[in-house]
């Protein structure tokens, strides 16, 4: 059985109960009237005034009138004071509003000026800014360290830099052969013997992990851990510091040492090794250092970190792939693939196959697909992600992951800017015997890869670089992009400012008008559709009018407003 629904109680009363309530109310009112009679009514007494028989009646009346006048005057004064205060407040508010408007205008002007300054300065990653900072380092330094990658020392040398240093008598140039642990021992000794005939050369192995103060504090607290299994020692730093300190003693003054080289050769890591702490930012990406940085080592020595040398676009694809800052985004993907193609073509193919443990390949695309399949780098649908593989592969070759080596030239040919007198002048203030002994100790202290495990690499010639800012040639597409981005930003900001200045009431009115217009448009469009669906009996004039109304809706409302009231029996409204 279904339970009946519960109903609310009815407010209807029986007559007996209703009459009883009315009687009680009448008795209550009667009682209240009796109590009021007993208390008596207190009416407000009227002012009787001054009796006519009272003496000095006229004087008293005058005094009363004077009091009234004084009270009215006081009231008027108070009113005027209030009005003056209101006027003062309005003026202060107007001044405050004007000051705010001026501040907003000044802020807009300052923002525009800051935008103009940023446009003038361009990006810190631009080649012009790199050349500008490099010129500062060369001018300020007494000794210049050209950092070379031990895997390809000849390709890391910049003839323009060496010529600029050799043309000045007050500057010395030293070669620092970095990443010596990635090259076989026999190959390293050959390169040291080859390079020492031109400039004093130091064998160096920078630390892979350096503990800075913040890291030590975190380790003490237990919030961070350091992998002690990694090799954190720095080899060759003592030898280099001894050379520089001896040069300080011969000159009897403090010196500044500039560290210069192409991207990813290890400039900042060498400075950290000489300092014994992490003073400069280090990373596998190219172009981490974007401006000159001064790192004091002693009272007599300061080291200047510099951004990388900008490679000349006239170089070969191999040199540009290894020694320039390539855009690894979607726009620079073709350059990355071309660079990998050049690297593989300059290597022994069998060694590359054994190193990556992949089957034989014919083209670079096939090589990238095989490597992506092996490493499990796949897109949706199981397609190999060759783009990311190409980027990672380029980072491995420029970083410190892959061991490859190049042989020095059989015959040593001096460049045109180097003569025997210039070589003697560069080697003058340095003790070369001690330098050779220190290099042998550093070479013996390290472990090196075998010749079989290291890939043979065919080195190209020296890489041309642009040192002066005036010699930098920017691409036309980059200029257009920079200018276009700036204009778009300005237009967007102006639109935002105009939208921001509109009040809330105006926006509300605009929304209401838009809603009304939308309703009118929908009404007109429906009417036009209905008129187009009329039977063939209609005249061509009506058809043209319907077409005009369908094409232009709003004018149709204004023109046909009077005809809407009349009902047309010939049309069928659905």
Protein backbone atom coordinates (compact mmCIF):
# COMPACT_ATOMS: atom_id res chain seq x y z
CA UNK A 1 0.00 0.00 0.00
CA UNK A 2 1.19 3.43 -0.83
CA UNK A 3 1.40 5.74 2.17
CA UNK A 4 -0.88 8.80 1.93
CA UNK A 5 0.87 12.11 1.66
CA UNK A 6 1.01 14.16 4.85
CA UNK A 7 -0.91 17.42 4.60
CA UNK A 8 -0.35 20.66 6.46
CA UNK A 9 -2.77 21.57 9.26
CA UNK A 10 -5.61 23.88 8.19
CA UNK A 11 -5.84 27.41 9.60
CA UNK A 12 -9.64 27.35 9.77
CA UNK A 13 -11.19 27.78 13.25
CA UNK A 14 -14.54 26.97 14.73
CA UNK A 15 -16.94 29.84 15.45
CA UNK A 16 -16.89 29.19 19.22
CA UNK A 17 -13.12 29.54 19.34
CA UNK A 18 -13.07 32.61 17.10
CA UNK A 19 -15.70 34.46 19.18
CA UNK A 20 -13.86 33.59 22.36
CA UNK A 21 -10.64 35.14 21.01
CA UNK A 22 -12.47 38.30 19.97
CA UNK A 23 -14.00 38.62 23.45
CA UNK A 24 -10.59 38.33 25.11
CA UNK A 25 -9.22 41.05 22.86
CA UNK A 26 -12.10 43.43 23.72
CA UNK A 27 -11.54 42.87 27.44
CA UNK A 28 -7.83 43.57 27.06
CA UNK A 29 -8.48 46.88 25.27
CA UNK A 30 -11.01 47.91 27.95
CA UNK A 31 -8.46 47.23 30.67
CA UNK A 32 -5.83 49.38 28.90
CA UNK A 33 -8.32 52.29 28.61
CA UNK A 34 -9.15 52.18 32.35
CA UNK A 35 -5.45 52.27 33.28
CA UNK A 36 -4.93 55.24 30.96
CA UNK A 37 -7.79 57.16 32.69
CA UNK A 38 -6.32 56.53 36.12
CA UNK A 39 -2.88 57.85 35.03
CA UNK A 40 -4.36 60.87 33.30
CA UNK A 41 -3.31 62.36 30.00
CA UNK A 42 -0.29 64.75 30.03
CA UNK A 43 -0.76 67.26 27.24
CA UNK A 44 2.21 69.49 26.20
CA UNK A 45 1.90 72.88 27.82
CA UNK A 46 1.89 75.93 25.60
CA UNK A 47 4.16 78.87 26.23
CA UNK A 48 1.90 81.41 27.92
CA UNK A 49 4.18 84.24 26.83
CA UNK A 50 4.78 87.43 28.72
CA UNK A 51 1.75 88.83 30.40
CA UNK A 52 0.68 92.31 29.34
CA UNK A 53 0.84 93.57 32.92
CA UNK A 54 4.53 92.60 33.27
CA UNK A 55 7.01 95.48 33.38
CA UNK A 56 9.60 95.88 30.60
CA UNK A 57 7.56 93.68 28.27
CA UNK A 58 8.87 95.34 25.12
CA UNK A 59 12.51 94.94 26.18
CA UNK A 60 12.01 91.26 26.88
CA UNK A 61 10.43 90.74 23.47
CA UNK A 62 13.34 92.52 21.81
CA UNK A 63 15.82 90.29 23.67
CA UNK A 64 13.90 87.22 22.54
CA UNK A 65 13.99 88.40 18.90
CA UNK A 66 17.71 89.11 19.18
CA UNK A 67 18.30 85.58 20.48
CA UNK A 68 16.39 84.17 17.53
CA UNK A 69 18.46 86.26 15.13
CA UNK A 70 21.70 85.11 16.78
CA UNK A 71 20.63 81.50 16.51
CA UNK A 72 19.79 81.94 12.82
CA UNK A 73 23.17 83.65 12.22
CA UNK A 74 24.96 80.79 13.96
CA UNK A 75 23.10 78.31 11.83
CA UNK A 76 24.04 80.20 8.64
CA UNK A 77 27.69 80.41 9.73
CA UNK A 78 27.73 76.69 10.40
CA UNK A 79 26.17 76.14 7.00
CA UNK A 80 28.84 78.29 5.29
CA UNK A 81 31.61 76.51 7.18
CA UNK A 82 30.26 73.18 6.03
CA UNK A 83 30.14 74.38 2.43
CA UNK A 84 33.73 75.67 2.66
CA UNK A 85 34.92 72.35 4.06
CA UNK A 86 33.16 70.51 1.26
CA UNK A 87 34.79 72.78 -1.34
CA UNK A 88 38.22 72.19 0.23
CA UNK A 89 37.67 68.43 0.15
CA UNK A 90 36.59 68.60 -3.48
CA UNK A 91 39.68 70.60 -4.39
CA UNK A 92 41.94 68.13 -2.56
CA UNK A 93 40.25 65.23 -4.33
CA UNK A 94 40.68 66.98 -7.68
CA UNK A 95 44.39 67.54 -6.93
CA UNK A 96 44.81 63.91 -5.93
CA UNK A 97 43.11 62.77 -9.12
CA UNK A 98 45.31 65.06 -11.20
CA UNK A 99 48.42 63.74 -9.42
CA UNK A 100 47.29 60.16 -10.09
CA UNK A 101 46.72 60.97 -13.76
CA UNK A 102 50.20 62.52 -13.96
CA UNK A 103 51.75 59.48 -12.25
CA UNK A 104 49.98 57.15 -14.67
CA UNK A 105 51.18 59.23 -17.62
CA UNK A 106 54.74 59.26 -16.25
CA UNK A 107 54.56 55.52 -15.65
CA UNK A 108 53.44 54.97 -19.24
CA UNK A 109 56.26 57.19 -20.53
CA UNK A 110 58.83 55.38 -18.37
CA UNK A 111 57.51 52.02 -19.55
CA UNK A 112 57.79 53.19 -23.15
CA UNK A 113 61.36 54.38 -22.49
CA UNK A 114 62.25 51.06 -20.86
CA UNK A 115 60.80 49.24 -23.89
CA UNK A 116 62.88 51.43 -26.19
CA UNK A 117 65.98 50.70 -24.11
CA UNK A 118 65.35 46.97 -24.23
CA UNK A 119 64.87 47.20 -27.99
CA UNK A 120 68.15 49.07 -28.31
CA UNK A 121 69.96 46.60 -26.10
CA UNK A 122 68.42 43.69 -28.01
CA UNK A 123 68.65 40.23 -26.52
CA UNK A 124 71.57 39.08 -24.40
CA UNK A 125 71.76 36.09 -26.72
CA UNK A 126 72.36 38.27 -29.77
CA UNK A 127 75.78 37.94 -31.46
CA UNK A 128 76.37 41.69 -31.21
CA UNK A 129 76.14 41.64 -27.42
CA UNK A 130 78.50 38.64 -27.32
CA UNK A 131 81.07 40.50 -29.44
CA UNK A 132 80.71 43.62 -27.32
CA UNK A 133 81.42 41.71 -24.09
CA UNK A 134 84.30 39.81 -25.73
CA UNK A 135 85.93 43.09 -26.77
CA UNK A 136 85.69 44.29 -23.16
CA UNK A 137 87.44 41.15 -21.91
CA UNK A 138 90.26 41.38 -24.49
CA UNK A 139 90.91 45.05 -23.73
CA UNK A 140 90.83 44.63 -19.94
CA UNK A 141 92.96 41.45 -19.66
CA UNK A 142 96.77 41.19 -19.53
CA UNK A 143 96.90 37.44 -20.17
CA UNK A 144 94.37 35.68 -22.38
CA UNK A 145 93.59 31.97 -22.03
CA UNK A 146 92.25 30.43 -25.23
CA UNK A 147 90.39 27.29 -24.17
CA UNK A 148 90.53 24.36 -26.61
CA UNK A 149 88.64 21.08 -26.62
CA UNK A 150 91.23 18.27 -26.55
CA UNK A 151 89.08 16.21 -28.93
CA UNK A 152 89.37 18.83 -31.69
CA UNK A 153 91.99 21.45 -30.69
CA UNK A 154 92.58 22.79 -34.19
CA UNK A 155 88.87 23.39 -34.81
CA UNK A 156 88.61 25.32 -31.49
CA UNK A 157 91.29 27.84 -32.46
CA UNK A 158 90.17 31.23 -33.73
CA UNK A 159 92.76 32.94 -36.00
CA UNK A 160 91.06 36.35 -35.64
CA UNK A 161 91.41 36.22 -31.84
CA UNK A 162 95.04 35.11 -31.95
CA UNK A 163 95.88 37.81 -34.48
CA UNK A 164 94.20 40.49 -32.32
CA UNK A 165 96.22 39.39 -29.26
CA UNK A 166 99.52 39.03 -31.13
CA UNK A 167 99.17 42.51 -32.59
CA UNK A 168 99.47 43.99 -29.07
CA UNK A 169 102.76 43.80 -27.20
CA UNK A 170 101.34 44.18 -23.69
CA UNK A 171 99.25 40.97 -23.89
CA UNK A 172 100.14 37.29 -23.61
CA UNK A 173 98.28 34.30 -25.03
CA UNK A 174 98.15 30.84 -23.42
CA UNK A 175 96.44 27.72 -24.77
CA UNK A 176 94.48 25.59 -22.29
CA UNK A 177 93.76 22.07 -23.55
CA UNK A 178 90.57 21.12 -21.68
CA UNK A 179 88.68 17.76 -21.48
CA UNK A 180 91.90 15.72 -21.71
CA UNK A 181 90.19 12.75 -20.03
CA UNK A 182 88.05 12.18 -23.17
CA UNK A 183 91.04 11.58 -25.47
CA UNK A 184 93.52 8.66 -25.64
CA UNK A 185 96.84 9.30 -23.93
CA UNK A 186 98.99 8.95 -27.08
CA UNK A 187 96.81 11.42 -28.97
CA UNK A 188 96.99 13.92 -26.09
CA UNK A 189 100.79 13.81 -26.01
CA UNK A 190 100.94 14.41 -29.76
CA UNK A 191 98.73 17.48 -29.47
CA UNK A 192 100.77 18.88 -26.57
CA UNK A 193 103.98 18.49 -28.59
CA UNK A 194 102.30 20.14 -31.59
CA UNK A 195 100.80 23.15 -29.78
CA UNK A 196 103.75 24.00 -27.54
CA UNK A 197 105.73 25.04 -30.64
CA UNK A 198 103.35 27.98 -31.15
CA UNK A 199 102.05 29.04 -27.71
CA UNK A 200 102.58 27.83 -24.12
CA UNK A 201 100.02 25.03 -23.66
CA UNK A 202 98.56 23.73 -20.38
CA UNK A 203 96.84 20.33 -20.05
CA UNK A 204 93.66 20.74 -18.02
CA UNK A 205 90.80 18.65 -16.76
CA UNK A 206 88.02 20.66 -15.12
CA UNK A 207 85.99 19.36 -12.20
CA UNK A 208 82.71 17.68 -13.09
CA UNK A 209 81.09 18.65 -9.77
CA UNK A 210 82.05 21.51 -7.48
CA UNK A 211 80.64 22.14 -4.00
CA UNK A 212 79.55 25.70 -3.45
CA UNK A 213 78.66 27.24 -0.08
CA UNK A 214 74.91 26.88 -0.52
CA UNK A 215 75.32 23.20 -1.42
CA UNK A 216 77.49 22.54 1.65
CA UNK A 217 74.87 24.14 3.91
CA UNK A 218 72.16 21.99 2.35
CA UNK A 219 74.28 18.86 2.81
CA UNK A 220 74.82 19.68 6.48
CA UNK A 221 71.07 20.13 7.00
CA UNK A 222 70.40 16.89 5.12
CA UNK A 223 68.18 18.44 2.47
CA UNK A 224 70.60 17.69 -0.40
CA UNK A 225 72.96 14.89 -1.40
CA UNK A 226 76.11 14.86 -3.49
CA UNK A 227 77.19 11.87 -5.53
CA UNK A 228 80.75 11.28 -4.36
CA UNK A 229 81.22 8.50 -6.91
CA UNK A 230 81.71 11.12 -9.62
CA UNK A 231 85.20 12.49 -10.24
CA UNK A 232 85.19 15.97 -8.69
CA UNK A 233 88.94 16.63 -8.84
CA UNK A 234 90.45 19.29 -11.05
CA UNK A 235 93.77 18.53 -12.80
CA UNK A 236 96.09 21.20 -14.18
CA UNK A 237 94.82 24.08 -12.00
CA UNK A 238 98.02 24.24 -9.92
CA UNK A 239 100.19 24.34 -13.03
CA UNK A 240 98.14 27.17 -14.54
CA UNK A 241 98.10 29.17 -11.29
CA UNK A 242 101.89 28.85 -10.95
CA UNK A 243 102.39 30.16 -14.48
CA UNK A 244 100.13 33.16 -13.87
CA UNK A 245 101.70 33.98 -10.48
CA UNK A 246 105.19 33.89 -12.00
CA UNK A 247 103.99 36.33 -14.64
CA UNK A 248 102.68 38.59 -11.83
CA UNK A 249 106.10 38.56 -10.16
CA UNK A 250 107.92 39.46 -13.37
CA UNK A 251 105.57 42.41 -14.01
CA UNK A 252 105.41 43.44 -10.31
CA UNK A 253 101.73 44.31 -10.48
CA UNK A 254 98.28 42.74 -10.35
CA UNK A 255 97.06 41.16 -13.56
CA UNK A 256 93.72 40.33 -15.11
CA UNK A 257 93.31 37.02 -16.94
CA UNK A 258 90.66 36.71 -19.66
CA UNK A 259 89.23 33.30 -20.51
CA UNK A 260 88.10 33.08 -24.15
CA UNK A 261 86.88 30.33 -26.47
CA UNK A 262 84.07 28.87 -28.56
CA UNK A 263 80.86 27.47 -26.97
CA UNK A 264 81.03 24.38 -24.75
CA UNK A 265 84.83 24.23 -24.52
CA UNK A 266 84.69 24.67 -20.73
CA UNK A 267 85.58 28.32 -20.03
CA UNK A 268 83.44 28.76 -16.91
CA UNK A 269 84.39 25.33 -15.55
CA UNK A 270 88.10 26.25 -15.81
CA UNK A 271 87.44 29.43 -13.80
CA UNK A 272 85.60 27.38 -11.16
CA UNK A 273 88.56 24.98 -11.02
CA UNK A 274 91.05 27.83 -10.51
CA UNK A 275 88.83 29.45 -7.87
CA UNK A 276 88.13 26.14 -6.11
CA UNK A 277 84.42 26.90 -5.86
CA UNK A 278 81.43 27.42 -8.13
CA UNK A 279 81.83 31.09 -9.02
CA UNK A 280 80.37 30.92 -12.56
CA UNK A 281 77.26 29.22 -13.85
CA UNK A 282 77.97 26.03 -15.80
CA UNK A 283 75.59 24.00 -17.95
CA UNK A 284 75.42 21.66 -20.94
CA UNK A 285 73.47 24.25 -22.95
CA UNK A 286 75.33 26.64 -25.20
CA UNK A 287 75.67 30.31 -24.35
CA UNK A 288 75.19 30.08 -20.56
CA UNK A 289 77.64 32.96 -20.02
CA UNK A 290 76.15 36.09 -21.60
CA UNK A 291 78.22 38.92 -20.10
CA UNK A 292 81.66 39.61 -18.65
CA UNK A 293 82.06 38.37 -15.09
CA UNK A 294 84.98 39.25 -12.77
CA UNK A 295 86.13 36.48 -10.39
CA UNK A 296 88.90 37.46 -7.92
CA UNK A 297 91.33 34.61 -7.15
CA UNK A 298 94.06 36.44 -5.20
CA UNK A 299 95.03 39.98 -4.35
CA UNK A 300 97.28 39.92 -7.40
CA UNK A 301 94.96 38.15 -9.85
CA UNK A 302 91.45 38.49 -11.27
CA UNK A 303 89.87 36.21 -13.86
CA UNK A 304 87.41 37.55 -16.43
CA UNK A 305 84.78 35.17 -17.78
CA UNK A 306 83.54 35.99 -21.28
CA UNK A 307 80.74 34.84 -23.57
CA UNK A 308 81.64 32.51 -26.40
CA UNK A 309 83.20 33.61 -29.68
CA UNK A 310 80.66 34.11 -32.45
CA UNK A 311 81.44 31.76 -35.34
CA UNK A 312 81.49 33.26 -38.82
CA UNK A 313 78.62 31.93 -41.00
CA UNK A 314 81.14 31.37 -43.83
CA UNK A 315 82.56 28.35 -41.95
CA UNK A 316 81.78 24.77 -42.90
CA UNK A 317 78.68 23.01 -41.59
CA UNK A 318 80.86 20.86 -39.32
CA UNK A 319 82.45 23.92 -37.68
CA UNK A 320 79.09 25.65 -37.30
CA UNK A 321 77.52 22.54 -35.76
CA UNK A 322 80.26 22.13 -33.12
CA UNK A 323 81.42 25.72 -32.55
CA UNK A 324 78.32 27.92 -32.84
CA UNK A 325 75.12 28.47 -30.89
CA UNK A 326 72.53 26.66 -33.03
CA UNK A 327 68.86 27.20 -32.39
CA UNK A 328 67.57 23.79 -31.29
CA UNK A 329 63.92 24.78 -31.71
CA UNK A 330 61.62 23.97 -34.61
CA UNK A 331 63.08 26.77 -36.74
CA UNK A 332 66.66 25.50 -36.31
CA UNK A 333 65.93 21.79 -36.71
CA UNK A 334 67.25 21.69 -40.27
CA UNK A 335 70.57 23.14 -39.09
CA UNK A 336 70.79 20.48 -36.38
CA UNK A 337 70.19 17.64 -38.85
CA UNK A 338 72.75 19.11 -41.28
CA UNK A 339 75.27 19.40 -38.46
CA UNK A 340 74.78 15.76 -37.45
CA UNK A 341 75.16 14.74 -41.06
CA UNK A 342 78.49 16.61 -41.22
CA UNK A 343 79.68 15.06 -37.93
CA UNK A 344 78.88 11.49 -39.02
CA UNK A 345 80.50 12.02 -42.42
CA UNK A 346 83.76 13.11 -40.70
CA UNK A 347 83.82 10.04 -38.42
CA UNK A 348 84.62 6.38 -38.93
CA UNK A 349 81.27 4.75 -39.73
CA UNK A 350 82.09 1.36 -38.18
CA UNK A 351 83.13 2.96 -34.91
CA UNK A 352 79.90 4.96 -34.79
CA UNK A 353 77.87 1.76 -35.34
CA UNK A 354 79.79 -0.05 -32.58
CA UNK A 355 79.55 2.90 -30.19
CA UNK A 356 75.78 3.25 -30.52
CA UNK A 357 75.29 -0.52 -31.09
CA UNK A 358 72.91 -0.08 -34.01
CA UNK A 359 72.77 -1.85 -37.40
CA UNK A 360 74.32 -0.44 -40.56
CA UNK A 361 72.70 2.67 -42.00
CA UNK A 362 72.88 4.57 -45.27
CA UNK A 363 71.65 8.08 -44.48
CA UNK A 364 71.50 10.30 -41.40
CA UNK A 365 67.70 10.00 -41.26
CA UNK A 366 68.01 6.22 -41.09
CA UNK A 367 70.67 6.60 -38.39
CA UNK A 368 68.39 8.86 -36.33
CA UNK A 369 65.40 6.51 -36.71
CA UNK A 370 67.45 3.50 -35.60
CA UNK A 371 68.82 5.40 -32.62
CA UNK A 372 65.34 6.64 -31.64
CA UNK A 373 63.94 3.10 -31.80
CA UNK A 374 66.80 1.79 -29.68
CA UNK A 375 66.45 4.48 -27.01
CA UNK A 376 62.65 4.20 -26.99
CA UNK A 377 62.05 7.77 -28.10
CA UNK A 378 58.77 7.36 -29.97
CA UNK A 379 55.85 9.62 -30.85
CA UNK A 380 52.17 8.77 -31.04
CA UNK A 381 51.55 5.74 -33.19
CA UNK A 382 55.04 4.32 -32.59
CA UNK A 383 56.79 6.76 -34.95
CA UNK A 384 60.45 7.49 -34.06
CA UNK A 385 61.08 10.94 -32.59
CA UNK A 386 64.05 11.88 -34.77
CA UNK A 387 63.89 15.58 -33.82
CA UNK A 388 64.59 15.10 -30.11
CA UNK A 389 67.19 12.43 -30.88
CA UNK A 390 69.02 14.88 -33.15
CA UNK A 391 69.07 17.53 -30.41
CA UNK A 392 70.34 15.08 -27.79
CA UNK A 393 72.98 13.75 -30.14
CA UNK A 394 74.33 17.25 -30.83
CA UNK A 395 74.45 17.98 -27.08
CA UNK A 396 76.40 14.75 -26.51
CA UNK A 397 79.01 15.63 -29.14
CA UNK A 398 79.50 19.19 -27.87
CA UNK A 399 79.34 18.11 -24.22
CA UNK A 400 81.54 15.69 -22.32
CA UNK A 401 79.77 12.38 -23.00
CA UNK A 402 81.36 11.05 -26.20
CA UNK A 403 85.05 10.23 -26.57
CA UNK A 404 86.44 11.09 -29.99
CA UNK A 405 89.87 12.26 -31.08
CA UNK A 406 91.49 13.95 -34.08
CA UNK A 407 95.09 13.66 -35.20
CA UNK A 408 97.34 16.73 -35.44
CA UNK A 409 98.66 17.72 -38.88
CA UNK A 410 101.78 15.92 -40.06
CA UNK A 411 103.57 19.13 -40.98
CA UNK A 412 103.34 22.15 -38.73
CA UNK A 413 102.53 25.27 -40.71
CA UNK A 414 102.58 28.51 -38.80
CA UNK A 415 99.78 30.99 -39.52
CA UNK A 416 100.80 34.29 -41.18
CA UNK A 417 100.41 36.33 -37.97
CA UNK A 418 102.91 34.08 -36.11
CA UNK A 419 106.63 34.47 -36.62
CA UNK A 420 109.60 33.11 -34.70
CA UNK A 421 110.09 36.46 -32.99
CA UNK A 422 106.42 36.57 -31.95
CA UNK A 423 106.57 33.00 -30.60
CA UNK A 424 109.68 33.89 -28.57
CA UNK A 425 107.94 37.00 -27.24
CA UNK A 426 104.89 34.97 -26.13
CA UNK A 427 107.11 32.37 -24.39
CA UNK A 428 109.43 34.96 -22.82
CA UNK A 429 108.11 35.35 -19.23
CA UNK A 430 107.14 31.70 -18.72
CA UNK A 431 109.27 28.79 -17.50
CA UNK A 432 108.62 26.19 -20.21
CA UNK A 433 110.59 23.37 -18.52
CA UNK A 434 108.44 23.52 -15.40
CA UNK A 435 105.37 23.69 -17.61
CA UNK A 436 106.35 20.44 -19.38
CA UNK A 437 106.99 18.71 -16.05
CA UNK A 438 103.62 19.80 -14.69
CA UNK A 439 101.89 18.66 -17.87
CA UNK A 440 103.51 15.20 -17.62
CA UNK A 441 102.33 14.86 -14.00
CA UNK A 442 98.77 15.78 -14.95
CA UNK A 443 98.85 13.38 -17.92
CA UNK A 444 100.05 10.51 -15.74
CA UNK A 445 97.46 11.16 -13.01
CA UNK A 446 94.42 10.60 -15.23
CA UNK A 447 92.74 7.56 -16.77
CA UNK A 448 92.17 7.70 -20.52
CA UNK A 449 89.93 5.80 -22.95
CA UNK A 450 91.38 3.19 -25.26
CA UNK A 451 92.03 3.91 -28.91
CA UNK A 452 89.44 1.28 -29.88
CA UNK A 453 86.68 2.85 -27.77
CA UNK A 454 87.40 6.41 -28.97
CA UNK A 455 85.93 7.48 -32.33
CA UNK A 456 88.39 8.78 -34.94
CA UNK A 457 87.37 12.25 -36.07
CA UNK A 458 88.63 14.14 -39.13
CA UNK A 459 89.27 17.65 -37.90
CA UNK A 460 88.67 20.66 -40.10
CA UNK A 461 90.84 23.76 -40.17
CA UNK A 462 90.68 26.67 -37.74
CA UNK A 463 87.24 28.13 -37.19
CA UNK A 464 86.82 31.76 -38.22
CA UNK A 465 85.15 33.99 -35.65
CA UNK A 466 83.88 37.56 -35.47
CA UNK A 467 85.34 39.53 -32.56
CA UNK A 468 84.31 43.09 -33.40
CA UNK A 469 80.69 44.18 -33.10
CA UNK A 470 80.81 46.04 -36.42
CA UNK A 471 81.72 42.83 -38.27
CA UNK A 472 78.63 40.91 -37.14
CA UNK A 473 76.24 40.18 -40.00
CA UNK A 474 72.69 39.56 -38.79
CA UNK A 475 70.17 37.70 -40.87
CA UNK A 476 67.41 39.77 -42.43
CA UNK A 477 64.75 37.38 -41.13
CA UNK A 478 65.95 37.86 -37.54
CA UNK A 479 65.79 41.64 -37.91
CA UNK A 480 62.26 41.49 -39.28
CA UNK A 481 61.16 39.19 -36.48
CA UNK A 482 62.64 41.47 -33.82
CA UNK A 483 61.03 44.59 -35.28
CA UNK A 484 57.70 42.86 -35.86
CA UNK A 485 57.55 41.50 -32.32
CA UNK A 486 58.24 44.95 -30.90
CA UNK A 487 55.46 46.59 -32.94
CA UNK A 488 52.95 43.90 -32.03
CA UNK A 489 53.79 44.27 -28.35
CA UNK A 490 53.26 48.05 -28.52
CA UNK A 491 49.89 47.67 -30.26
CA UNK A 492 48.70 45.07 -27.78
CA UNK A 493 49.75 47.22 -24.81
CA UNK A 494 47.99 50.30 -26.24
CA UNK A 495 44.79 48.29 -26.72
CA UNK A 496 45.00 47.03 -23.15
CA UNK A 497 45.48 50.57 -21.81
CA UNK A 498 42.45 51.84 -23.74
CA UNK A 499 40.31 48.97 -22.51
CA UNK A 500 41.49 49.54 -18.96
CA UNK A 501 40.52 53.24 -18.98
CA UNK A 502 36.85 52.47 -19.74
CA UNK A 503 34.56 52.67 -16.70
CA UNK A 504 32.31 49.88 -15.46
CA UNK A 505 29.13 51.83 -16.34
CA UNK A 506 30.25 52.26 -19.94
CA UNK A 507 31.04 48.59 -20.21
CA UNK A 508 27.60 47.72 -18.79
CA UNK A 509 25.90 50.03 -21.30
CA UNK A 510 27.94 48.55 -24.13
CA UNK A 511 26.89 45.03 -23.12
CA UNK A 512 23.21 46.05 -23.01
CA UNK A 513 23.45 47.68 -26.44
CA UNK A 514 25.15 44.61 -27.87
CA UNK A 515 22.43 42.34 -26.46
CA UNK A 516 19.71 44.58 -27.94
CA UNK A 517 21.44 44.63 -31.32
CA UNK A 518 21.78 40.84 -31.26
CA UNK A 519 18.04 40.47 -30.53
CA UNK A 520 17.16 42.87 -33.34
CA UNK A 521 19.46 41.06 -35.73
CA UNK A 522 17.94 37.68 -34.88
CA UNK A 523 14.42 39.13 -35.34
CA UNK A 524 15.32 40.62 -38.70
CA UNK A 525 17.05 37.46 -39.90
CA UNK A 526 13.98 35.38 -39.01
CA UNK A 527 11.75 37.83 -40.85
CA UNK A 528 13.99 37.77 -43.90
CA UNK A 529 13.96 33.97 -43.93
CA UNK A 530 10.17 33.95 -43.72
CA UNK A 531 9.87 36.41 -46.58
CA UNK A 532 12.25 34.33 -48.71
CA UNK A 533 9.96 31.32 -48.08
CA UNK A 534 6.94 33.12 -49.66
CA UNK A 535 5.06 31.43 -52.55
CA UNK A 536 5.80 32.15 -56.20
CA UNK A 537 2.78 34.49 -56.43
CA UNK A 538 4.79 37.29 -54.87
CA UNK A 539 6.04 40.03 -57.14
CA UNK A 540 9.71 40.47 -58.04
CA UNK A 541 9.68 43.75 -56.10
CA UNK A 542 8.97 41.90 -52.88
CA UNK A 543 11.69 39.35 -53.66
CA UNK A 544 14.29 42.09 -54.15
CA UNK A 545 13.17 43.77 -50.94
CA UNK A 546 13.57 40.47 -49.08
CA UNK A 547 17.02 39.94 -50.53
CA UNK A 548 18.04 43.48 -49.53
CA UNK A 549 16.71 42.92 -46.02
CA UNK A 550 18.62 39.62 -45.72
CA UNK A 551 21.88 41.23 -46.85
CA UNK A 552 21.59 44.33 -44.66
CA UNK A 553 19.61 43.70 -41.47
CA UNK A 554 19.90 46.89 -39.44
CA UNK A 555 18.83 49.34 -42.20
CA UNK A 556 15.82 47.12 -42.83
CA UNK A 557 14.59 47.84 -39.28
CA UNK A 558 14.79 51.59 -39.76
CA UNK A 559 13.14 51.58 -43.17
CA UNK A 560 10.39 49.02 -42.53
CA UNK A 561 9.46 49.93 -38.96
CA UNK A 562 6.12 51.42 -40.01
CA UNK A 563 5.08 48.37 -42.09
CA UNK A 564 5.58 45.90 -39.22
CA UNK A 565 2.30 46.95 -37.53
CA UNK A 566 0.15 45.93 -40.53
CA UNK A 567 -0.59 42.23 -40.86
CA UNK A 568 -0.19 40.69 -44.32
CA UNK A 569 -2.76 37.90 -44.93
CA UNK A 570 -1.00 36.73 -48.09
CA UNK A 571 2.08 35.45 -46.21
CA UNK A 572 2.18 32.23 -44.23
CA UNK A 573 4.06 32.61 -40.92
CA UNK A 574 5.45 29.32 -39.62
